[in-house]
Amino acid sequence: MAKRLLQAKGVDYHDVAVDADSERRAEMMHRSGRYTVPQIFVGERHVGGYDDLAALDRAGELDPLLRGD
């Protein structure tokens, strides 16, 4: 669902599969403090999971974040 939302906004994103890579998963957990996927980052800012991303969108805060405002 996160991918669909970002695609609908025309955002280029980089998907990192962590399920088969324990080092990448550990990095994700260290950076986000969470162990579930997806964990979404905009630049260096940790947004959270899909629910957090969707909440930012509903609040009108996602587009400015994606633009770097």
N, C-alpha and C. Protein backbone atom coordinates (compact mmCIF):
# COMPACT_ATOMS: atom_id res chain seq x y z
N MET A 1 0.82 -1.19 0.00
CA MET A 1 0.00 0.00 0.00
C MET A 1 0.87 1.26 0.00
N ALA A 2 2.00 1.20 0.70
CA ALA A 2 2.91 2.35 0.71
C ALA A 2 3.44 2.60 -0.69
N LYS A 3 3.79 1.55 -1.39
CA LYS A 3 4.30 1.70 -2.76
C LYS A 3 3.25 2.36 -3.65
N ARG A 4 1.99 1.92 -3.51
CA ARG A 4 0.92 2.49 -4.33
C ARG A 4 0.73 3.97 -4.04
N LEU A 5 0.79 4.36 -2.78
CA LEU A 5 0.63 5.76 -2.42
C LEU A 5 1.77 6.59 -3.01
N LEU A 6 2.98 6.11 -2.88
CA LEU A 6 4.12 6.85 -3.42
C LEU A 6 4.08 6.91 -4.95
N GLN A 7 3.69 5.81 -5.57
CA GLN A 7 3.57 5.80 -7.04
C GLN A 7 2.50 6.78 -7.49
N ALA A 8 1.38 6.85 -6.77
CA ALA A 8 0.30 7.77 -7.12
C ALA A 8 0.76 9.22 -7.04
N LYS A 9 1.74 9.48 -6.19
CA LYS A 9 2.28 10.83 -6.05
C LYS A 9 3.45 11.07 -6.99
N GLY A 10 3.80 10.07 -7.80
CA GLY A 10 4.89 10.22 -8.75
C GLY A 10 6.27 10.23 -8.12
N VAL A 11 6.39 9.60 -6.97
CA VAL A 11 7.64 9.60 -6.22
C VAL A 11 8.51 8.42 -6.65
N ASP A 12 9.77 8.71 -6.95
CA ASP A 12 10.75 7.65 -7.15
C ASP A 12 11.20 7.18 -5.78
N TYR A 13 11.20 5.90 -5.57
CA TYR A 13 11.61 5.37 -4.27
C TYR A 13 12.54 4.19 -4.48
N HIS A 14 13.26 3.87 -3.44
CA HIS A 14 14.19 2.74 -3.45
C HIS A 14 13.68 1.74 -2.44
N ASP A 15 13.32 0.57 -2.91
CA ASP A 15 12.80 -0.49 -2.07
C ASP A 15 13.96 -1.40 -1.64
N VAL A 16 14.16 -1.54 -0.34
CA VAL A 16 15.23 -2.39 0.18
C VAL A 16 14.59 -3.59 0.86
N ALA A 17 14.78 -4.76 0.28
CA ALA A 17 14.23 -5.99 0.86
C ALA A 17 15.13 -6.42 2.02
N VAL A 18 14.59 -6.43 3.23
CA VAL A 18 15.38 -6.77 4.40
C VAL A 18 15.07 -8.17 4.92
N ASP A 19 14.05 -8.80 4.39
CA ASP A 19 13.65 -10.10 4.93
C ASP A 19 14.70 -11.19 4.72
N ALA A 20 15.47 -11.13 3.67
CA ALA A 20 16.48 -12.16 3.41
C ALA A 20 17.89 -11.68 3.72
N ASP A 21 18.04 -10.49 4.27
CA ASP A 21 19.36 -9.91 4.54
C ASP A 21 19.42 -9.44 5.98
N SER A 22 20.01 -10.25 6.84
CA SER A 22 20.01 -9.95 8.27
C SER A 22 20.76 -8.65 8.59
N GLU A 23 21.81 -8.33 7.84
CA GLU A 23 22.54 -7.09 8.09
C GLU A 23 21.69 -5.87 7.77
N ARG A 24 20.98 -5.92 6.63
CA ARG A 24 20.10 -4.80 6.26
C ARG A 24 18.95 -4.66 7.25
N ARG A 25 18.42 -5.81 7.71
CA ARG A 25 17.33 -5.77 8.68
C ARG A 25 17.81 -5.14 9.99
N ALA A 26 19.01 -5.50 10.43
CA ALA A 26 19.57 -4.92 11.65
C ALA A 26 19.77 -3.42 11.48
N GLU A 27 20.22 -3.00 10.30
CA GLU A 27 20.39 -1.57 10.03
C GLU A 27 19.05 -0.85 10.09
N MET A 28 18.01 -1.44 9.50
CA MET A 28 16.67 -0.85 9.53
C MET A 28 16.18 -0.71 10.97
N MET A 29 16.38 -1.77 11.75
CA MET A 29 15.92 -1.74 13.13
C MET A 29 16.70 -0.69 13.93
N HIS A 30 17.98 -0.56 13.68
CA HIS A 30 18.79 0.44 14.37
C HIS A 30 18.34 1.86 14.00
N ARG A 31 18.13 2.10 12.72
CA ARG A 31 17.75 3.44 12.25
C ARG A 31 16.33 3.82 12.66
N SER A 32 15.41 2.85 12.64
CA SER A 32 14.01 3.17 12.88
C SER A 32 13.54 2.87 14.30
N GLY A 33 14.23 1.95 14.97
CA GLY A 33 13.76 1.52 16.28
C GLY A 33 12.58 0.57 16.18
N ARG A 34 12.27 0.12 14.98
CA ARG A 34 11.14 -0.78 14.73
C ARG A 34 11.63 -2.01 13.98
N TYR A 35 10.85 -3.08 14.09
CA TYR A 35 11.25 -4.32 13.43
C TYR A 35 10.26 -4.77 12.35
N THR A 36 9.17 -4.05 12.19
CA THR A 36 8.19 -4.41 11.16
C THR A 36 8.51 -3.70 9.85
N VAL A 37 8.00 -4.24 8.78
CA VAL A 37 8.18 -3.62 7.47
C VAL A 37 6.83 -3.26 6.89
N PRO A 38 6.75 -2.22 6.10
CA PRO A 38 7.85 -1.38 5.67
C PRO A 38 8.19 -0.33 6.72
N GLN A 39 9.42 0.13 6.69
CA GLN A 39 9.83 1.32 7.42
C GLN A 39 10.25 2.31 6.34
N ILE A 40 9.62 3.45 6.35
CA ILE A 40 9.75 4.41 5.26
C ILE A 40 10.59 5.60 5.73
N PHE A 41 11.54 5.95 4.89
CA PHE A 41 12.38 7.10 5.13
C PHE A 41 12.23 8.06 3.96
N VAL A 42 12.16 9.34 4.26
CA VAL A 42 12.20 10.37 3.23
C VAL A 42 13.50 11.10 3.48
N GLY A 43 14.46 10.87 2.61
CA GLY A 43 15.81 11.34 2.89
C GLY A 43 16.31 10.60 4.11
N GLU A 44 16.78 11.33 5.09
CA GLU A 44 17.25 10.72 6.34
C GLU A 44 16.15 10.66 7.40
N ARG A 45 15.00 11.28 7.11
CA ARG A 45 13.91 11.32 8.10
C ARG A 45 13.12 10.03 8.09
N HIS A 46 12.98 9.42 9.25
CA HIS A 46 12.16 8.22 9.39
C HIS A 46 10.71 8.64 9.52
N VAL A 47 9.89 8.17 8.60
CA VAL A 47 8.46 8.50 8.60
C VAL A 47 7.69 7.48 9.43
N GLY A 48 8.08 6.22 9.34
CA GLY A 48 7.37 5.14 10.02
C GLY A 48 6.91 4.13 9.00
N GLY A 49 5.81 3.48 9.29
CA GLY A 49 5.24 2.50 8.39
C GLY A 49 4.17 3.12 7.50
N TYR A 50 3.42 2.25 6.82
CA TYR A 50 2.38 2.75 5.92
C TYR A 50 1.35 3.60 6.65
N ASP A 51 0.90 3.16 7.81
CA ASP A 51 -0.11 3.93 8.54
C ASP A 51 0.37 5.35 8.84
N ASP A 52 1.64 5.47 9.19
CA ASP A 52 2.23 6.79 9.46
C ASP A 52 2.30 7.62 8.18
N LEU A 53 2.69 6.98 7.09
CA LEU A 53 2.76 7.66 5.80
C LEU A 53 1.38 8.16 5.38
N ALA A 54 0.38 7.31 5.50
CA ALA A 54 -0.99 7.69 5.14
C ALA A 54 -1.51 8.81 6.03
N ALA A 55 -1.16 8.78 7.32
CA ALA A 55 -1.60 9.83 8.24
C ALA A 55 -0.99 11.18 7.84
N LEU A 56 0.29 11.16 7.45
CA LEU A 56 0.92 12.40 6.97
C LEU A 56 0.20 12.92 5.74
N ASP A 57 -0.18 12.01 4.86
CA ASP A 57 -0.88 12.42 3.64
C ASP A 57 -2.23 13.03 3.98
N ARG A 58 -2.99 12.39 4.86
CA ARG A 58 -4.31 12.91 5.25
C ARG A 58 -4.19 14.27 5.92
N ALA A 59 -3.10 14.49 6.64
CA ALA A 59 -2.89 15.77 7.34
C ALA A 59 -2.33 16.85 6.42
N GLY A 60 -2.06 16.48 5.17
CA GLY A 60 -1.51 17.46 4.23
C GLY A 60 -0.02 17.72 4.42
N GLU A 61 0.65 16.86 5.16
CA GLU A 61 2.06 17.06 5.46
C GLU A 61 3.00 16.24 4.57
N LEU A 62 2.47 15.29 3.84
CA LEU A 62 3.33 14.42 3.05
C LEU A 62 3.90 15.13 1.82
N ASP A 63 3.08 15.82 1.08
CA ASP A 63 3.56 16.49 -0.14
C ASP A 63 4.69 17.48 0.16
N PRO A 64 4.56 18.35 1.16
CA PRO A 64 5.68 19.25 1.48
C PRO A 64 6.95 18.48 1.88
N LEU A 65 6.78 17.40 2.62
CA LEU A 65 7.93 16.59 3.02
C LEU A 65 8.62 16.00 1.79
N LEU A 66 7.83 15.49 0.86
CA LEU A 66 8.39 14.90 -0.35
C LEU A 66 9.08 15.95 -1.23
N ARG A 67 8.58 17.17 -1.21
CA ARG A 67 9.19 18.26 -1.98
C ARG A 67 10.44 18.81 -1.29
N GLY A 68 10.59 18.51 -0.01
CA GLY A 68 11.74 19.03 0.74
C GLY A 68 11.50 20.39 1.32
N ASP A 69 10.20 20.77 1.44
CA ASP A 69 9.85 22.09 2.03
C ASP A 69 10.16 22.12 3.50
